[in-house]
Every structure is written in C-alpha cells, then in structure tokens.
Protein backbone atom coordinates (compact mmCIF):
# COMPACT_ATOMS: atom_id res chain seq x y z
CA MET A 1 84.92 -97.58 101.16
CA LYS A 2 86.25 -101.12 100.88
CA MET A 3 87.74 -101.90 97.42
CA ASN A 4 87.02 -105.29 95.88
CA ARG A 5 89.76 -107.83 95.43
CA TYR A 6 89.75 -109.24 91.92
CA ALA A 7 90.93 -112.68 90.90
CA VAL A 8 90.80 -114.20 87.40
CA ILE A 9 89.82 -117.89 87.37
CA LEU A 10 91.04 -119.37 83.94
CA GLY A 11 88.72 -122.35 83.29
CA SER A 12 85.99 -121.41 85.81
CA SER A 13 83.52 -123.54 84.00
CA GLY A 14 85.48 -126.72 84.72
CA GLY A 15 85.03 -128.80 87.85
CA ILE A 16 88.12 -127.61 89.65
CA GLY A 17 87.74 -124.04 88.45
CA LYS A 18 84.15 -123.89 89.66
CA ALA A 19 85.10 -125.29 93.07
CA ILE A 20 87.84 -122.73 93.48
CA SER A 21 85.49 -119.93 92.40
CA ARG A 22 83.00 -120.88 95.05
CA LYS A 23 85.70 -120.95 97.83
CA LEU A 24 87.35 -117.66 96.82
CA ALA A 25 83.88 -115.89 96.53
CA ALA A 26 83.13 -117.09 100.03
CA ASP A 27 86.34 -115.40 101.20
CA GLY A 28 85.35 -112.07 99.68
CA TRP A 29 87.11 -112.16 96.33
CA SER A 30 85.37 -110.69 93.24
CA LEU A 31 85.97 -112.83 90.26
CA TYR A 32 86.55 -112.77 86.54
CA LEU A 33 84.94 -116.09 85.45
CA HIS A 34 86.74 -117.23 82.31
CA TYR A 35 85.36 -119.82 79.98
CA ASN A 36 86.04 -120.89 76.42
CA GLN A 37 83.04 -122.95 75.17
CA ASN A 38 80.98 -123.68 78.18
CA LYS A 39 79.14 -120.30 78.44
CA GLU A 40 76.05 -121.82 80.14
CA ARG A 41 78.03 -123.17 83.00
CA ALA A 42 79.79 -119.75 83.46
CA VAL A 43 76.44 -117.99 83.51
CA GLU A 44 75.09 -120.41 86.01
CA LEU A 45 78.11 -120.06 88.22
CA LYS A 46 77.86 -116.23 88.08
CA LYS A 47 74.15 -116.52 89.10
CA VAL A 48 74.88 -118.78 92.05
CA LEU A 49 77.85 -116.61 93.29
CA THR A 50 75.88 -113.45 92.97
CA GLU A 51 72.97 -114.82 94.93
CA LYS A 52 75.16 -116.13 97.69
CA HIS A 53 77.56 -113.16 97.81
CA PRO A 54 75.67 -110.01 96.60
CA GLU A 55 78.66 -107.87 97.90
CA GLY A 56 80.93 -109.41 95.27
CA ASP A 57 81.42 -108.52 91.68
CA PHE A 58 81.38 -111.45 89.27
CA ARG A 59 81.98 -110.96 85.64
CA ILE A 60 81.97 -113.54 82.84
CA VAL A 61 84.85 -113.32 80.33
CA GLN A 62 85.62 -115.48 77.27
CA ALA A 63 88.77 -116.36 75.46
CA ASP A 64 90.00 -119.42 73.49
CA PHE A 65 93.45 -120.23 74.75
CA SER A 66 94.07 -122.65 71.91
CA GLU A 67 94.34 -119.60 69.65
CA ARG A 68 97.48 -117.52 69.41
CA ASP A 69 95.81 -114.31 70.52
CA GLY A 70 93.78 -115.83 73.37
CA ALA A 71 95.75 -114.14 76.15
CA GLY A 72 95.52 -110.79 74.56
CA LYS A 73 91.76 -111.02 74.05
CA LEU A 74 91.34 -111.94 77.76
CA ALA A 75 93.67 -109.25 79.07
CA GLU A 76 91.51 -106.61 77.44
CA GLN A 77 88.53 -107.68 79.43
CA VAL A 78 89.97 -107.55 83.01
CA GLY A 79 91.17 -104.85 85.45
CA HIS A 80 92.52 -104.41 88.99
CA VAL A 81 93.71 -107.98 89.01
CA GLN A 82 95.28 -109.18 92.28
CA ALA A 83 95.28 -112.92 91.71
CA ILE A 84 95.34 -115.33 88.75
CA VAL A 85 94.32 -118.95 89.03
CA VAL A 86 95.18 -121.14 86.04
CA ALA A 87 92.77 -123.94 86.24
CA LEU A 88 92.02 -124.55 82.65
CA GLY A 89 93.33 -127.28 80.39
CA GLN A 90 92.66 -130.25 78.16
CA SER A 91 93.73 -133.88 78.38
CA MET A 92 95.20 -135.88 75.63
CA LEU A 93 95.28 -139.68 75.92
CA LYS A 94 97.54 -140.56 72.92
CA LEU A 95 100.69 -142.38 72.32
CA LEU A 96 103.44 -140.03 71.12
CA THR A 97 103.55 -141.72 67.73
CA ASP A 98 99.84 -140.79 67.32
CA THR A 99 100.27 -137.18 68.45
CA ASN A 100 100.64 -134.75 65.60
CA SER A 101 102.00 -131.13 65.47
CA SER A 102 98.54 -129.62 65.80
CA ASP A 103 97.89 -131.59 68.95
CA MET A 104 101.21 -130.47 70.35
CA ASP A 105 100.60 -126.76 69.46
CA ALA A 106 97.16 -126.76 71.12
CA LEU A 107 98.46 -128.31 74.35
CA TRP A 108 101.29 -125.83 74.46
CA ARG A 109 99.08 -122.82 73.91
CA VAL A 110 96.42 -123.87 76.34
CA HIS A 111 98.55 -125.03 79.25
CA MET A 112 101.64 -122.77 78.93
CA GLN A 113 101.91 -120.12 76.19
CA ASN A 114 98.60 -118.23 76.66
CA PRO A 115 98.67 -118.49 80.57
CA ALA A 116 102.25 -117.17 80.59
CA MET A 117 101.35 -114.35 78.19
CA PHE A 118 98.19 -113.55 80.15
CA ILE A 119 100.33 -113.26 83.31
CA SER A 120 102.84 -111.09 81.51
CA LEU A 121 100.12 -108.74 80.16
CA THR A 122 98.53 -108.39 83.53
CA SER A 123 101.62 -108.22 85.63
CA PRO A 124 101.33 -104.44 85.96
CA GLN A 125 98.01 -104.97 87.67
CA LEU A 126 99.48 -107.61 89.99
CA ARG A 127 102.38 -105.28 90.80
CA SER A 128 100.03 -102.47 91.80
CA HIS A 129 99.18 -104.51 94.94
CA PRO A 130 101.60 -104.96 97.86
CA ILE A 131 100.80 -108.78 97.69
CA SER A 132 99.44 -110.61 94.70
CA TYR A 133 99.12 -114.20 93.65
CA VAL A 134 99.65 -116.49 90.69
CA LEU A 135 98.47 -120.11 91.13
CA PHE A 136 98.65 -122.90 88.61
CA ILE A 137 96.72 -126.16 88.88
CA GLY A 138 99.43 -128.55 87.53
CA SER A 139 99.29 -132.26 87.57
CA ILE A 140 100.91 -135.40 89.07
CA TRP A 141 101.99 -136.16 85.55
CA GLY A 142 104.11 -132.92 85.57
CA ASP A 143 105.90 -134.59 88.46
CA SER A 144 106.23 -138.18 87.39
CA GLY A 145 105.31 -138.38 83.74
CA ALA A 146 102.65 -140.87 82.27
CA ALA A 147 102.91 -143.31 79.37
CA GLY A 148 100.10 -142.49 76.95
CA GLU A 149 100.05 -138.91 78.01
CA VAL A 150 103.64 -137.86 77.11
CA MET A 151 102.76 -134.42 75.71
CA TYR A 152 100.25 -133.68 78.44
CA SER A 153 102.98 -134.56 80.93
CA ALA A 154 105.42 -132.37 79.11
CA VAL A 155 103.25 -129.19 79.26
CA LYS A 156 102.38 -129.88 82.88
CA GLY A 157 106.05 -130.22 83.65
CA ALA A 158 106.52 -126.92 81.92
CA GLN A 159 103.95 -125.29 84.13
CA HIS A 160 105.84 -126.43 87.17
CA ALA A 161 109.13 -125.16 85.76
CA PHE A 162 107.49 -121.80 84.98
CA VAL A 163 106.22 -121.49 88.58
CA LYS A 164 109.71 -122.03 89.98
CA ALA A 165 111.38 -119.56 87.72
CA TYR A 166 108.62 -116.92 87.78
CA ALA A 167 108.45 -117.10 91.60
CA LYS A 168 112.08 -115.85 91.70
CA GLU A 169 111.45 -113.10 89.16
CA ALA A 170 108.23 -111.82 90.63
CA ALA A 171 109.13 -112.00 94.30
CA TYR A 172 110.70 -108.60 94.29
CA THR A 173 107.28 -107.06 93.41
CA GLY A 174 105.37 -108.93 96.04
CA THR A 175 103.79 -111.65 93.79
CA ARG A 176 103.57 -115.11 95.27
CA VAL A 177 103.75 -117.85 92.56
CA ASN A 178 102.83 -121.42 93.47
CA ALA A 179 101.20 -124.55 92.04
CA ILE A 180 99.00 -127.43 93.17
CA SER A 181 99.83 -130.66 91.66
CA PRO A 182 96.67 -132.93 91.91
CA GLY A 183 96.49 -136.63 91.42
CA TRP A 184 93.31 -138.23 90.41
CA ILE A 185 90.46 -135.72 90.89
CA GLU A 186 86.85 -136.64 90.24
CA THR A 187 86.17 -134.31 87.13
CA GLU A 188 84.79 -134.78 83.63
CA MET A 189 88.35 -135.15 82.40
CA ASN A 190 88.63 -138.58 84.04
CA GLU A 191 85.24 -139.83 83.20
CA GLU A 192 86.32 -141.35 79.96
CA LEU A 193 88.09 -144.15 81.75
CA SER A 194 86.25 -147.39 82.79
CA GLU A 195 85.45 -148.46 86.29
CA ASP A 196 88.04 -151.24 86.03
CA ASP A 197 90.72 -148.74 84.99
CA LYS A 198 89.78 -146.49 87.85
CA GLN A 199 90.00 -149.34 90.31
CA LEU A 200 93.43 -150.12 89.03
CA VAL A 201 94.44 -146.54 89.87
CA ILE A 202 92.79 -146.52 93.30
CA ASP A 203 94.70 -149.74 94.14
CA GLN A 204 97.93 -147.76 93.71
CA ILE A 205 96.91 -144.83 95.94
CA PRO A 206 97.88 -145.35 99.54
CA LEU A 207 94.80 -143.46 100.86
CA GLN A 208 92.69 -145.82 98.70
CA THR A 209 90.47 -143.00 97.33
CA THR A 210 90.32 -140.43 94.53
CA GLY A 211 90.19 -136.69 95.32
CA GLN A 212 87.46 -134.18 94.98
CA PRO A 213 87.57 -130.74 93.27
CA GLU A 214 86.61 -129.22 96.64
CA GLN A 215 89.91 -130.51 98.11
CA VAL A 216 91.92 -128.79 95.39
CA ALA A 217 89.80 -125.65 96.10
CA ASP A 218 90.54 -125.77 99.87
CA LEU A 219 94.30 -125.69 99.13
CA ALA A 220 93.96 -122.94 96.53
CA ARG A 221 91.89 -120.99 99.11
CA PHE A 222 94.66 -121.34 101.62
CA LEU A 223 97.35 -120.24 99.20
CA LEU A 224 95.36 -116.94 98.45
CA SER A 225 94.25 -116.39 102.04
CA GLY A 226 97.31 -114.48 103.21
CA LYS A 227 98.14 -117.34 105.63
CA ALA A 228 100.71 -118.73 103.17
CA ASP A 229 102.45 -115.48 102.15
CA TYR A 230 105.95 -116.67 103.05
CA MET A 231 105.59 -119.46 100.43
CA THR A 232 106.47 -119.01 96.83
CA GLY A 233 107.87 -121.25 94.09
CA GLU A 234 106.28 -124.34 95.54
CA ILE A 235 104.60 -127.25 93.78
CA LEU A 236 102.22 -128.82 96.36
CA LYS A 237 101.35 -132.41 95.82
CA LEU A 238 97.69 -133.33 96.39
CA ASN A 239 97.41 -137.04 95.40
CA GLY A 240 96.64 -139.24 98.38
CA GLY A 241 100.20 -140.51 98.53
CA TRP A 242 100.09 -141.79 94.89
CA TYR A 243 103.37 -139.99 94.09
CA ILE A 244 105.62 -138.72 96.85
C-alpha cells in the first residue's frame, strides 16, 4: 500500500501558498493547509484539491504565528511531515522611525521565530524520511533591502541566512533546505500600490513584467520534485532580472 507524502504549507490561504498547494497536490503530495485568519479560503482550497485529487489527504490547520506559541500549536496538529513550505508573511510599508517595537516583534515572529521553531519541533518527522524538504519563500528585499520596508527587509534577510545555516546542519539527515526569493509577484500584498507606482517598478525590471504566483509555485514544485536533490542552501532569485 502506497503511503501518502505529507507537506505543510504555511500560509496556504495566500496567493503564493495557494498556487504552491495546487502544484504539489497535482504531484501527489498530501497537504496540511495552514491558515491564520482566512478560514474560508482554506476551506475552499481543500474542497477544490479534494475534488481534483481524491487520492490525496488534505487537512486544514490553524495557528497564529504572530503569537509566541504559534509554532507549538501547529506542531500538535501535524504528523508524518516530509516537507515544509514557509509561504506565510505580512508586509510592512513604514519608515523605520514610524516602526514601533510591537511591529518589530510581530514581523520577527511571523517570518522567522515561529517558522524556525515549527521546523525544530517537526524535525524528527523530517528526519524519519530518507529525503525531506524545507522551503522558504523569501523576498528580493532580503537580498537587496528596500527603503520604507527596512524591518521587512531585515526579517527576509534573516530567512535567507537561516536557510544557508540550517542547510548545513540538516544535510546529514537528508533534509534539503532552500529558498525562493521572488521579486514583484501579483498578490494581494502588492495591491495597495497605485498603478503609477507599479509602472515605476515595471520600468526597472528587465523583462518588463511582474511575476505570477504560479511561477513561484512552478519553482517550488521543482525543488520538491526529487529533481533538485543535489541542491541545498540556495536562495533562488525569481524577479525578471530586477536584482541580479
């Protein structure tokens, strides 16, 4: 009897998380669909995946990663984990002088502290498989930094550093640890900017277009496909040439 492969998608209710969930489900992965507040989207995603892939097992799990115990609450809800995709997050368009300590704490917990703790708590499950995966969806700002998003850039840079360090630590147990560093992707996170501001960005991108969540998902799919298993500790840029 074939055993299901389970992946946890942190932030499955977001645009990128949903696209990754669809691609991995099509590849035969069973999924823990994590959400924080968007339960309706998670329920709808489960319904769609179950209808298209009845052989899979799709479970909705909830945890608030802005809270100190978010990782622990989520770890109690999952089992047999072979892959973790960290696709959750929150943006913060603020000057550093307007960013308070509560803002900083929330960013750190959501993007770094709770994902790292969740990986730590589930690492025995990852190690139980000959090959397992940890994948972060980072950001171009973790590579280059952005004025007006200093603390967001800082926590995304921390994710990239975590990937490089943990890849070395986890390699001996067969866990591949990588990250995708997207540029401008058409998600709700970027909808708050005006069309004029968006065009200013497009003018700086050599390929003269923004990216789609499905393009991030295609790369995530490849990294978890078994075809990239000699790769670990890499931060793969996906930005149309915006930052090279």
